[in-house]
Amino acid sequence: MSLRQTNAPGAIMRRRRMLFAGLTLAIATALLALAVAVLGEGGWSVWEALILLCFVLNLPWIGLAAATGLIGLCIRIRGIQTPPETDAPITLRTAIAICIRNEAMEEVLPPLLRLMQGLSEHGDRFVLAILSDTADPDHVVAEEAALRSASAKLPGSRIRYRRRPRNTGYKAGNVMDFLDHHAADLDLIILLDADSEMTPEAALRLVRVMQAEPKLGILQHPIAGSATSASFGRLFNLGHRSGARIWTLGQDWWQGDEGPFWGHNAILRIAPFRRHCRLPLLPDGSSILSHDHVEAARMHGAGWSVRVHPDTHADGGGSLEAPPPHLLAFLQRDRRWAAGNLQYRHFLRDRSLGALGRLQMFQAILHYLLAPFWFAILPLAAINALLTDDSPPRGMLVALLVLVYVALHLPRLTGHLAMLVEAGRGRWVAHVRSVLAENLFSLLFDSVVASHNTIIVLSHALRMPHRGWPPQQRRERRLNWSEATNILWPHTAIGLAIFLALGLSGSVFAVLAAAPAGAGLLLAIPFCVLTSDPRAKG
């Protein structure tokens, strides 16, 4: 099975990138013209000028999201062109590797054993590598006992267990240590996270593509969310999956062989990865936290291809990961990712990295760095309504708000549309209900995340201390009200201040116009608690 037919020659890719840049610019320019017309009606206040500045700073990201969504939708409508899967013999040796640190092995091992048993007909072509950075003595004992039991269920020595006493270099250091000292007889490695799952069919799909494409350094498999009970995970999965399918199609169209790597549920060619992806320490002597974008950029710069496999399966094609079990777990994970992404500033001038890889890192930085400017629009609008008599043209303002929302969420919205079409008439009503619930969830969720990322960026700017790379929360449970209040009271307080200012302005329209963006702040605590409940239905 080959991906060659999906690879565009250099001249075609250059034209695609020019078209994509032009489309992004056209969308951003149209939205800017509408914003100027709305805010400039009747003259400019200081607050309106600041709103426009914040909007302009975010326009490139809004235009990029909309352009990616439009192109992804066009590809989806035309039909995704993928080569037929084959049953070509497996000739390369592959490690199925998972990085763990103080994990519950009774949850980690069963999907791995199912995967290895499904690959058993290929003999010693696949081995399971457990790469442990567990230091806690009690966890070590439980981990080793679980692996002794697991080894008895697999024929031969198909499990390799390696534990480091210190997690030097975090996950990237863990993987490189294994490749340096325990992988001499291996050609490929499929990386999984502790909450990842993969079917034998998905693993074989990745290996066969790598066999057919010897210049392919990293092949990222699409990922869907695994089943969950709480409404937070279910609705998060629905929105993420809908958007990801369109986003990856649009992104792959203009990025081609210089695509992204998400750090897990992907296959790597060991020799070039060892040669080019050894990560240095940062100028302050610390280790890189978010390794994946840097590793992809190093592979680009060395002339190796990095691609995302065409996404043709509603369920991720057998490639899954667990969603955050509740809002607080998501916010904790996002804080970790923000710390990692902001480190990318040290690599933006490194000419040994691929240009597109550096652009991907720049986008990852802006995802967090622009959060204060995006979030500031809401309180600035409240101040403007309170302190000035300006009344923007209501119809044009509503049109601007709707168009910006659609542009920013176009991959997710068009993904929902495509899923509705695919659902068929028999399931259409149920799917519409799910889509409406997911969009309400996203409205509430987005405002909390925007305010939280603003707090994160400001705390980094003020050099407040941060923990390094704490373990993720994975267990579903109903959060109690005190837990949610302890984390989310600032978000609620900000929401109360914004709506108090809007209420004092005397404009009912201003309150209604701000409600979709600000309701999530007022409702952050009950939203967090109620969506965390695994027993809740609907």
Protein backbone atom coordinates (compact mmCIF):
# COMPACT_ATOMS: atom_id res chain seq x y z
CA MET A 1 0.00 0.00 0.00
CA SER A 2 1.49 3.35 -1.03
CA LEU A 3 0.70 6.96 -0.32
CA ARG A 4 2.65 8.08 -3.38
CA GLN A 5 -0.44 8.94 -5.35
CA THR A 6 -1.50 11.41 -2.63
CA ASN A 7 1.87 13.20 -2.65
CA ALA A 8 1.86 16.34 -4.79
CA PRO A 9 5.02 17.38 -6.69
CA GLY A 10 6.81 20.51 -5.50
CA ALA A 11 5.35 22.87 -8.14
CA ILE A 12 1.81 21.75 -7.39
CA MET A 13 2.38 22.10 -3.64
CA ARG A 14 3.72 25.63 -4.10
CA ARG A 15 0.58 26.58 -6.02
CA ARG A 16 -1.59 25.02 -3.36
CA ARG A 17 0.17 27.00 -0.65
CA MET A 18 -0.24 30.24 -2.59
CA LEU A 19 -3.93 29.49 -3.06
CA PHE A 20 -4.32 28.67 0.62
CA ALA A 21 -2.54 31.89 1.65
CA GLY A 22 -4.74 33.89 -0.74
CA LEU A 23 -7.91 32.30 0.62
CA THR A 24 -6.81 32.96 4.21
CA LEU A 25 -6.04 36.59 3.37
CA ALA A 26 -9.36 37.08 1.54
CA ILE A 27 -11.38 35.75 4.49
CA ALA A 28 -9.42 37.84 6.98
CA THR A 29 -9.78 40.98 4.84
CA ALA A 30 -13.54 40.53 4.47
CA LEU A 31 -13.99 40.10 8.22
CA LEU A 32 -11.76 43.10 8.90
CA ALA A 33 -13.81 45.30 6.56
CA LEU A 34 -17.01 44.28 8.32
CA ALA A 35 -15.46 44.87 11.76
CA VAL A 36 -14.31 48.37 10.78
CA ALA A 37 -17.79 49.18 9.47
CA VAL A 38 -19.41 47.98 12.72
CA LEU A 39 -16.98 49.52 15.21
CA GLY A 40 -16.39 52.75 13.29
CA GLU A 41 -20.05 53.68 12.98
CA GLY A 42 -20.45 57.11 14.61
CA GLY A 43 -16.75 57.57 15.34
CA TRP A 44 -14.15 55.70 17.34
CA SER A 45 -13.80 55.40 21.10
CA VAL A 46 -10.58 54.24 22.73
CA TRP A 47 -12.31 50.97 23.64
CA GLU A 48 -13.46 50.33 20.08
CA ALA A 49 -9.93 50.95 18.80
CA LEU A 50 -8.59 48.43 21.32
CA ILE A 51 -11.28 45.91 20.31
CA LEU A 52 -10.25 46.30 16.67
CA LEU A 53 -6.57 45.84 17.56
CA CYS A 54 -7.32 42.62 19.46
CA PHE A 55 -9.46 41.42 16.54
CA VAL A 56 -6.76 42.19 13.96
CA LEU A 57 -4.16 40.23 15.94
CA ASN A 58 -6.43 37.17 15.83
CA LEU A 59 -7.50 37.53 12.19
CA PRO A 60 -4.70 35.37 10.69
CA TRP A 61 -5.75 32.42 12.90
CA ILE A 62 -9.45 32.96 12.10
CA GLY A 63 -8.69 33.11 8.37
CA LEU A 64 -6.49 30.02 8.56
CA ALA A 65 -9.19 28.04 10.38
CA ALA A 66 -11.84 29.04 7.83
CA ALA A 67 -9.62 28.33 4.82
CA THR A 68 -8.64 24.94 6.22
CA GLY A 69 -12.29 24.11 6.83
CA LEU A 70 -13.37 25.14 3.32
CA ILE A 71 -10.64 23.11 1.62
CA GLY A 72 -11.23 20.13 3.89
CA LEU A 73 -14.96 20.22 3.15
CA CYS A 74 -14.32 20.37 -0.62
CA ILE A 75 -12.05 17.33 -0.38
CA ARG A 76 -14.63 15.52 1.77
CA ILE A 77 -17.39 16.26 -0.77
CA ARG A 78 -15.26 15.10 -3.70
CA GLY A 79 -14.30 11.95 -1.83
CA ILE A 80 -11.01 11.14 -0.12
CA GLN A 81 -8.64 9.49 -2.55
CA THR A 82 -6.79 6.73 -0.71
CA PRO A 83 -4.91 3.75 -2.10
CA PRO A 84 -6.54 0.38 -1.48
CA GLU A 85 -5.31 -1.45 1.59
CA THR A 86 -3.39 -4.64 0.85
CA ASP A 87 -2.27 -7.72 2.71
CA ALA A 88 1.37 -7.30 1.73
CA PRO A 89 3.67 -9.42 3.92
CA ILE A 90 5.22 -7.67 6.92
CA THR A 91 8.97 -7.52 6.40
CA LEU A 92 10.05 -4.83 8.90
CA ARG A 93 10.30 -5.36 12.64
CA THR A 94 8.19 -2.98 14.72
CA ALA A 95 7.98 -2.10 18.40
CA ILE A 96 4.57 -1.19 19.79
CA ALA A 97 5.86 1.21 22.43
CA ILE A 98 4.02 2.90 25.27
CA CYS A 99 5.46 5.42 27.71
CA ILE A 100 4.15 5.11 31.26
CA ARG A 101 4.74 6.85 34.57
CA ASN A 102 2.82 5.82 37.69
CA GLU A 103 -0.06 4.45 35.59
CA ALA A 104 -2.78 1.99 36.58
CA MET A 105 -1.55 -1.09 34.74
CA GLU A 106 -4.93 -2.83 34.95
CA GLU A 107 -6.18 -0.12 32.58
CA VAL A 108 -3.08 0.22 30.40
CA LEU A 109 -2.29 -3.43 29.62
CA PRO A 110 -5.58 -4.99 28.35
CA PRO A 111 -5.79 -3.01 25.08
CA LEU A 112 -2.08 -3.62 24.46
CA LEU A 113 -2.49 -7.37 24.97
CA ARG A 114 -5.47 -7.42 22.59
CA LEU A 115 -3.37 -5.61 20.01
CA MET A 116 -0.42 -7.98 20.36
CA GLN A 117 -2.64 -11.06 20.25
CA GLY A 118 -4.19 -9.73 17.06
CA LEU A 119 -0.70 -9.40 15.56
CA SER A 120 0.46 -12.84 16.71
CA GLU A 121 0.20 -14.39 13.24
CA HIS A 122 3.13 -12.19 12.17
CA GLY A 123 5.47 -13.89 14.63
CA ASP A 124 8.38 -11.87 15.90
CA ARG A 125 7.72 -8.93 13.55
CA PHE A 126 6.02 -7.11 16.44
CA VAL A 127 7.22 -6.68 20.01
CA LEU A 128 5.59 -4.78 22.86
CA ALA A 129 7.88 -2.24 24.54
CA ILE A 130 6.87 -0.86 27.94
CA LEU A 131 8.95 2.27 28.52
CA SER A 132 8.57 3.15 32.17
CA ASP A 133 9.62 6.30 34.00
CA THR A 134 7.88 5.19 37.18
CA ALA A 135 9.80 6.11 40.33
CA ASP A 136 7.23 5.57 43.09
CA PRO A 137 8.18 2.26 44.82
CA ASP A 138 4.61 1.06 45.24
CA HIS A 139 3.84 1.72 41.59
CA VAL A 140 7.04 -0.08 40.58
CA VAL A 141 6.02 -3.23 42.45
CA ALA A 142 2.54 -3.22 40.93
CA GLU A 143 3.94 -2.47 37.48
CA GLU A 144 6.42 -5.35 37.54
CA ALA A 145 3.83 -7.80 38.87
CA ALA A 146 1.36 -6.82 36.14
CA LEU A 147 4.01 -7.29 33.45
CA ARG A 148 4.99 -10.74 34.73
CA SER A 149 1.36 -11.74 34.43
CA ALA A 150 1.08 -10.20 30.97
CA SER A 151 4.21 -11.97 29.71
CA ALA A 152 2.57 -15.32 30.38
CA LYS A 153 -0.20 -14.43 27.93
CA LEU A 154 2.11 -13.76 24.97
CA PRO A 155 4.27 -16.40 23.27
CA GLY A 156 8.05 -16.02 23.40
CA SER A 157 9.80 -12.86 24.58
CA ARG A 158 7.42 -10.42 22.91
CA ILE A 159 7.39 -7.94 25.82
CA ARG A 160 10.34 -5.69 26.51
CA TYR A 161 10.19 -3.80 29.79
CA ARG A 162 12.62 -1.00 30.51
CA ARG A 163 12.37 1.32 33.50
CA ARG A 164 14.41 4.46 34.12
CA PRO A 165 14.84 5.69 37.68
CA ARG A 166 14.48 9.33 36.52
CA ASN A 167 12.35 10.75 33.72
CA THR A 168 15.17 12.78 32.18
CA GLY A 169 13.91 14.57 29.09
CA TYR A 170 10.35 13.48 29.85
CA LYS A 171 8.66 11.42 27.11
CA ALA A 172 11.12 12.38 24.35
CA GLY A 173 14.04 11.33 26.54
CA ASN A 174 12.27 8.10 27.42
CA VAL A 175 11.74 7.17 23.78
CA MET A 176 15.27 8.12 22.69
CA ASP A 177 16.80 6.13 25.53
CA PHE A 178 14.92 3.04 24.32
CA LEU A 179 15.96 3.61 20.70
CA ASP A 180 19.59 4.08 21.72
CA HIS A 181 19.93 1.01 23.93
CA HIS A 182 17.13 -1.47 23.26
CA ALA A 183 16.09 -1.22 19.60
CA ALA A 184 19.07 -2.36 17.56
CA ASP A 185 17.05 -5.15 15.94
CA LEU A 186 14.02 -2.98 15.14
CA ASP A 187 13.12 -0.89 12.08
CA LEU A 188 9.95 0.94 13.15
CA ILE A 189 8.25 2.04 16.33
CA ILE A 190 4.55 2.74 16.84
CA LEU A 191 4.24 5.20 19.71
CA LEU A 192 1.19 5.03 21.97
CA ASP A 193 0.24 7.00 25.07
CA ALA A 194 -1.02 5.40 28.24
CA ASP A 195 -4.59 6.25 27.24
CA SER A 196 -4.17 5.18 23.59
CA GLU A 197 -5.69 2.18 21.89
CA MET A 198 -4.99 0.76 18.45
CA THR A 199 -6.42 -2.20 16.56
CA PRO A 200 -4.23 -4.73 14.75
CA GLU A 201 -5.68 -3.47 11.45
CA ALA A 202 -4.55 0.09 12.17
CA ALA A 203 -1.06 -1.04 13.19
CA LEU A 204 -0.67 -3.16 10.05
CA ARG A 205 -1.92 -0.25 7.94
CA LEU A 206 0.86 1.97 9.29
CA VAL A 207 3.60 -0.63 8.84
CA ARG A 208 2.61 -1.44 5.25
CA VAL A 209 2.63 2.23 4.27
CA MET A 210 6.10 2.63 5.77
CA GLN A 211 7.32 -0.43 3.88
CA ALA A 212 6.00 1.00 0.61
CA GLU A 213 7.41 4.51 1.19
CA PRO A 214 11.09 4.29 2.21
CA LYS A 215 11.45 8.12 2.49
CA LEU A 216 8.53 8.39 4.89
CA GLY A 217 9.98 9.20 8.31
CA ILE A 218 6.82 9.66 10.38
CA LEU A 219 3.26 8.61 9.56
CA GLN A 220 0.61 9.96 11.90
CA HIS A 221 -2.62 7.97 12.15
CA PRO A 222 -5.90 9.88 12.66
CA ILE A 223 -7.26 9.60 16.21
CA ALA A 224 -10.79 9.40 17.57
CA GLY A 225 -11.91 9.57 21.18
CA SER A 226 -12.59 6.31 22.99
CA ALA A 227 -15.99 5.66 24.56
CA THR A 228 -16.76 7.53 27.75
CA SER A 229 -19.67 7.77 30.17
CA ALA A 230 -19.62 11.41 31.33
CA SER A 231 -21.19 13.99 29.06
CA PHE A 232 -17.97 16.04 29.06
CA GLY A 233 -16.05 13.26 27.31
CA ARG A 234 -18.89 12.31 24.96
CA LEU A 235 -19.51 15.86 23.74
CA PHE A 236 -15.80 16.66 23.63
CA ASN A 237 -15.25 13.57 21.48
CA LEU A 238 -18.05 14.50 19.10
CA GLY A 239 -16.80 18.04 18.52
CA HIS A 240 -13.14 17.07 18.31
CA ARG A 241 -13.75 14.23 15.89
CA SER A 242 -16.01 16.30 13.63
CA GLY A 243 -13.47 19.10 13.40
CA ALA A 244 -10.38 16.91 13.19
CA ARG A 245 -11.56 14.99 10.12
CA ILE A 246 -12.08 18.20 8.12
CA TRP A 247 -9.04 19.97 9.57
CA THR A 248 -6.59 17.17 8.74
CA LEU A 249 -7.90 16.91 5.18
CA GLY A 250 -7.53 20.64 4.59
CA GLN A 251 -4.16 20.81 6.31
CA ASP A 252 -2.75 17.83 4.42
CA TRP A 253 -3.80 19.42 1.10
CA TRP A 254 -1.35 22.33 1.52
CA GLN A 255 1.24 20.85 3.87
CA GLY A 256 1.75 17.53 2.06
CA ASP A 257 4.99 15.77 3.05
CA GLU A 258 5.75 18.42 5.69
CA GLY A 259 2.83 17.54 7.90
CA PRO A 260 2.44 17.41 11.68
CA PHE A 261 3.27 14.80 14.28
CA TRP A 262 1.04 14.62 17.36
CA GLY A 263 3.37 12.59 19.54
CA HIS A 264 1.38 9.35 19.73
CA ASN A 265 -0.68 6.92 17.64
CA ALA A 266 1.97 7.32 14.97
CA ILE A 267 4.73 5.22 13.44
CA LEU A 268 8.37 6.37 13.21
CA ARG A 269 11.27 5.08 11.14
CA ILE A 270 13.87 4.45 13.82
CA ALA A 271 17.15 5.14 12.00
CA PRO A 272 16.40 8.71 10.78
CA PHE A 273 14.48 9.52 13.94
CA ARG A 274 17.51 8.62 16.10
CA ARG A 275 19.80 10.54 13.77
CA HIS A 276 17.81 13.77 13.49
CA CYS A 277 15.38 14.01 16.41
CA ARG A 278 17.69 14.04 19.41
CA LEU A 279 16.44 17.10 21.29
CA PRO A 280 18.84 19.55 22.92
CA LEU A 281 18.39 21.23 26.27
CA LEU A 282 16.90 24.71 26.21
CA PRO A 283 19.08 27.76 26.97
CA ASP A 284 18.05 27.67 30.63
CA GLY A 285 19.11 24.01 30.90
CA SER A 286 15.57 22.61 31.03
CA SER A 287 14.16 19.89 28.77
CA ILE A 288 11.65 20.39 25.98
CA LEU A 289 8.16 19.55 27.18
CA SER A 290 6.19 19.36 23.90
CA HIS A 291 8.51 17.35 21.70
CA ASP A 292 6.33 16.42 18.72
CA HIS A 293 6.41 19.64 16.64
CA VAL A 294 10.19 19.91 17.07
CA GLU A 295 10.72 16.32 15.98
CA ALA A 296 8.51 16.80 12.92
CA ALA A 297 10.41 19.98 11.97
CA ARG A 298 13.75 18.18 12.33
CA MET A 299 12.55 15.40 10.03
CA HIS A 300 11.33 17.99 7.49
CA GLY A 301 14.68 19.76 7.63
CA ALA A 302 16.55 16.49 7.06
CA GLY A 303 14.51 15.71 3.93
CA TRP A 304 12.24 13.02 5.39
CA SER A 305 8.50 13.03 4.83
CA VAL A 306 6.03 13.48 7.67
CA ARG A 307 2.40 12.83 6.81
CA VAL A 308 -1.01 12.25 8.33
CA HIS A 309 -2.66 9.14 6.93
CA PRO A 310 -5.83 10.02 4.95
CA ASP A 311 -8.78 10.03 7.34
CA THR A 312 -11.55 7.84 5.96
CA HIS A 313 -13.04 6.30 9.10
CA ALA A 314 -15.64 7.87 11.39
CA ASP A 315 -14.13 5.97 14.33
CA GLY A 316 -10.51 6.88 13.63
CA GLY A 317 -9.86 3.61 11.80
CA GLY A 318 -9.02 1.78 15.01
CA SER A 319 -6.82 4.53 16.47
CA LEU A 320 -8.22 5.90 19.73
CA GLU A 321 -7.31 7.96 22.77
CA ALA A 322 -9.25 8.72 25.93
CA PRO A 323 -10.59 12.28 26.19
CA PRO A 324 -10.05 14.29 29.37
CA PRO A 325 -12.59 12.91 31.87
CA HIS A 326 -13.79 16.36 32.98
CA LEU A 327 -13.18 20.08 32.53
CA LEU A 328 -10.56 20.38 35.27
CA ALA A 329 -8.51 17.57 33.71
CA PHE A 330 -8.68 19.37 30.37
CA LEU A 331 -7.54 22.66 31.91
CA GLN A 332 -4.66 20.91 33.67
CA ARG A 333 -3.62 19.30 30.37
CA ASP A 334 -3.91 22.61 28.57
CA ARG A 335 -1.65 24.26 31.13
CA ARG A 336 0.96 21.57 30.44
CA TRP A 337 0.61 22.04 26.69
CA ALA A 338 0.86 25.82 27.00
CA ALA A 339 4.14 25.49 28.92
CA GLY A 340 5.47 23.22 26.16
CA ASN A 341 4.23 25.27 23.23
CA LEU A 342 5.64 28.53 24.57
CA GLN A 343 9.10 26.90 24.61
CA TYR A 344 9.00 26.71 20.81
CA ARG A 345 10.18 30.33 20.68
CA HIS A 346 13.72 28.99 21.06
CA PHE A 347 13.51 27.14 17.70
CA LEU A 348 11.90 29.66 15.37
CA ARG A 349 15.25 30.89 14.02
CA ASP A 350 16.83 27.44 13.67
CA ARG A 351 17.47 27.11 9.93
CA SER A 352 18.21 23.39 10.27
CA LEU A 353 14.50 22.87 10.84
CA GLY A 354 12.00 22.79 8.00
CA ALA A 355 10.32 26.14 7.29
CA LEU A 356 6.85 24.63 7.48
CA GLY A 357 7.76 22.89 10.72
CA ARG A 358 8.76 26.23 12.20
CA LEU A 359 5.48 27.70 10.97
CA GLN A 360 3.63 24.90 12.77
CA MET A 361 5.54 25.74 15.94
CA PHE A 362 4.72 29.43 15.51
CA GLN A 363 1.03 28.55 15.17
CA ALA A 364 1.28 26.45 18.33
CA ILE A 365 2.74 29.44 20.19
CA LEU A 366 0.04 31.78 18.88
CA HIS A 367 -2.68 29.35 19.99
CA TYR A 368 -1.87 30.42 23.54
CA LEU A 369 -0.14 33.77 23.08
CA LEU A 370 -3.16 35.31 21.35
CA ALA A 371 -5.59 34.10 24.04
CA PRO A 372 -5.41 37.33 26.12
CA PHE A 373 -6.13 39.46 23.05
CA TRP A 374 -9.04 37.24 22.00
CA PHE A 375 -10.54 37.13 25.46
CA ALA A 376 -10.02 40.89 26.01
CA ILE A 377 -12.60 41.70 23.32
CA LEU A 378 -15.47 40.75 25.66
CA PRO A 379 -14.51 42.94 28.67
CA LEU A 380 -13.51 45.78 26.33
CA ALA A 381 -16.95 45.60 24.72
CA ALA A 382 -18.55 45.71 28.18
CA ILE A 383 -16.49 48.77 29.14
CA ASN A 384 -17.36 50.47 25.85
CA ALA A 385 -21.07 49.83 26.40
CA LEU A 386 -20.85 51.20 29.94
CA LEU A 387 -18.76 54.33 29.29
CA THR A 388 -19.88 55.48 25.83
CA ASP A 389 -23.13 56.22 24.08
CA ASP A 390 -22.03 54.51 20.87
CA SER A 391 -24.61 52.11 19.47
CA PRO A 392 -23.21 49.94 16.65
CA PRO A 393 -25.55 48.92 13.83
CA ARG A 394 -27.24 45.92 15.37
CA GLY A 395 -27.82 43.93 12.22
CA MET A 396 -24.21 44.31 11.09
CA LEU A 397 -22.92 43.49 14.60
CA VAL A 398 -24.94 40.27 14.74
CA ALA A 399 -23.70 39.39 11.24
CA LEU A 400 -20.09 39.99 12.34
CA LEU A 401 -20.48 37.84 15.46
CA VAL A 402 -22.08 34.99 13.52
CA LEU A 403 -19.54 35.11 10.68
CA VAL A 404 -16.56 35.17 13.05
CA TYR A 405 -17.98 32.22 14.98
CA VAL A 406 -18.60 30.26 11.78
CA ALA A 407 -15.14 31.08 10.38
CA LEU A 408 -13.35 30.11 13.57
CA HIS A 409 -15.30 26.85 13.94
CA LEU A 410 -15.73 26.02 10.26
CA PRO A 411 -13.84 22.69 10.40
CA ARG A 412 -16.04 21.50 13.27
CA LEU A 413 -19.30 22.83 11.81
CA THR A 414 -18.68 21.40 8.34
CA GLY A 415 -17.61 18.15 9.98
CA HIS A 416 -20.98 18.02 11.70
CA LEU A 417 -22.67 18.70 8.36
CA ALA A 418 -20.80 15.86 6.69
CA MET A 419 -21.65 13.51 9.55
CA LEU A 420 -25.33 14.45 9.28
CA VAL A 421 -25.28 13.57 5.58
CA GLU A 422 -23.55 10.26 6.30
CA ALA A 423 -25.90 9.41 9.18
CA GLY A 424 -28.85 8.76 6.86
CA ARG A 425 -32.51 9.54 7.43
CA GLY A 426 -33.01 6.83 10.05
CA ARG A 427 -30.49 8.40 12.46
CA TRP A 428 -30.84 12.01 11.38
CA VAL A 429 -33.04 13.23 14.25
CA ALA A 430 -30.81 11.69 16.92
CA HIS A 431 -27.72 13.12 15.27
CA VAL A 432 -29.22 16.62 15.04
CA ARG A 433 -29.94 16.44 18.77
CA SER A 434 -26.32 15.45 19.44
CA VAL A 435 -24.97 18.23 17.22
CA LEU A 436 -27.12 20.86 18.96
CA ALA A 437 -25.96 19.61 22.37
CA GLU A 438 -22.33 19.67 21.23
CA ASN A 439 -22.62 23.25 19.95
CA LEU A 440 -24.11 24.43 23.25
CA PHE A 441 -21.31 22.55 25.04
CA SER A 442 -18.72 24.27 22.81
CA LEU A 443 -20.10 27.75 23.48
CA LEU A 444 -19.83 27.25 27.24
CA PHE A 445 -16.53 25.39 27.00
CA ASP A 446 -14.80 27.93 24.71
CA SER A 447 -15.26 30.92 27.01
CA VAL A 448 -13.84 29.00 29.99
CA VAL A 449 -10.84 27.87 27.96
CA ALA A 450 -10.22 31.36 26.57
CA SER A 451 -10.22 32.89 30.05
CA HIS A 452 -8.08 30.06 31.45
CA ASN A 453 -5.50 30.38 28.67
CA THR A 454 -5.41 34.12 29.32
CA ILE A 455 -4.57 33.39 32.97
CA ILE A 456 -1.92 30.88 31.86
CA VAL A 457 -0.21 33.31 29.46
CA LEU A 458 -0.27 36.14 31.99
CA SER A 459 1.21 33.87 34.66
CA HIS A 460 4.05 32.97 32.29
CA ALA A 461 4.58 36.64 31.45
CA LEU A 462 4.82 37.41 35.19
CA ARG A 463 7.25 34.48 35.62
CA MET A 464 5.06 32.77 38.19
CA PRO A 465 6.30 29.26 39.09
CA HIS A 466 4.95 26.24 37.20
CA ARG A 467 5.19 22.53 37.85
CA GLY A 468 7.15 20.60 35.22
CA TRP A 469 5.05 17.88 33.62
CA PRO A 470 2.53 16.44 36.12
CA PRO A 471 0.73 13.17 35.30
CA GLN A 472 -2.64 13.42 33.59
CA GLN A 473 -5.94 12.77 35.32
CA ARG A 474 -7.64 9.88 33.51
CA ARG A 475 -10.33 8.53 35.86
CA GLU A 476 -13.94 9.53 35.32
CA ARG A 477 -15.72 10.73 38.46
CA ARG A 478 -18.26 13.35 39.45
CA LEU A 479 -16.39 16.40 40.70
CA ASN A 480 -17.61 18.05 43.86
CA TRP A 481 -18.61 21.70 44.01
CA SER A 482 -15.64 22.75 46.13
CA GLU A 483 -13.14 21.29 43.61
CA ALA A 484 -14.73 23.18 40.75
CA THR A 485 -15.06 26.41 42.75
CA ASN A 486 -11.43 26.28 43.85
CA ILE A 487 -10.25 26.40 40.22
CA LEU A 488 -13.03 28.25 38.45
CA TRP A 489 -13.94 31.08 40.82
CA PRO A 490 -11.77 33.59 38.87
CA HIS A 491 -13.59 32.73 35.65
CA THR A 492 -16.95 33.19 37.36
CA ALA A 493 -15.86 36.49 38.92
CA ILE A 494 -14.73 37.80 35.53
CA GLY A 495 -18.07 36.79 34.02
CA LEU A 496 -20.00 38.53 36.79
CA ALA A 497 -17.98 41.73 36.32
CA ILE A 498 -18.56 41.70 32.55
CA PHE A 499 -22.31 41.19 32.80
CA LEU A 500 -22.60 43.71 35.64
CA ALA A 501 -21.00 46.32 33.38
CA LEU A 502 -23.29 45.35 30.51
CA GLY A 503 -26.33 45.50 32.78
CA LEU A 504 -25.37 48.94 34.12
CA SER A 505 -25.08 50.19 30.53
CA GLY A 506 -28.86 49.81 30.27
CA SER A 507 -28.62 48.02 26.91
CA VAL A 508 -30.57 44.77 26.78
CA PHE A 509 -29.17 44.20 23.29
CA ALA A 510 -25.58 44.40 24.62
CA VAL A 511 -26.36 41.75 27.24
CA LEU A 512 -27.97 39.45 24.66
CA ALA A 513 -25.13 39.95 22.16
CA ALA A 514 -22.53 39.05 24.80
CA ALA A 515 -24.46 36.07 26.20
CA PRO A 516 -23.17 33.38 23.80
CA ALA A 517 -19.54 34.32 24.47
CA GLY A 518 -19.90 35.06 28.18
CA ALA A 519 -22.43 32.58 29.52
CA GLY A 520 -19.75 29.94 29.97
CA LEU A 521 -17.98 32.18 32.50
CA LEU A 522 -21.07 32.64 34.65
CA LEU A 523 -21.91 28.94 34.44
CA ALA A 524 -18.34 27.61 34.66
CA ILE A 525 -18.74 25.92 38.04
CA PRO A 526 -22.07 24.12 37.44
CA PHE A 527 -20.97 23.31 33.88
CA CYS A 528 -17.83 21.66 35.25
CA VAL A 529 -19.62 19.63 37.93
CA LEU A 530 -22.63 18.49 35.90
CA THR A 531 -20.68 17.41 32.80
CA SER A 532 -18.25 15.37 34.92
CA ASP A 533 -20.93 12.96 36.20
CA PRO A 534 -20.46 9.47 34.65
CA ARG A 535 -24.00 8.57 35.76
CA ALA A 536 -25.71 11.41 33.89
CA LYS A 537 -27.68 10.45 30.79
CA GLY A 538 -28.30 12.37 27.59
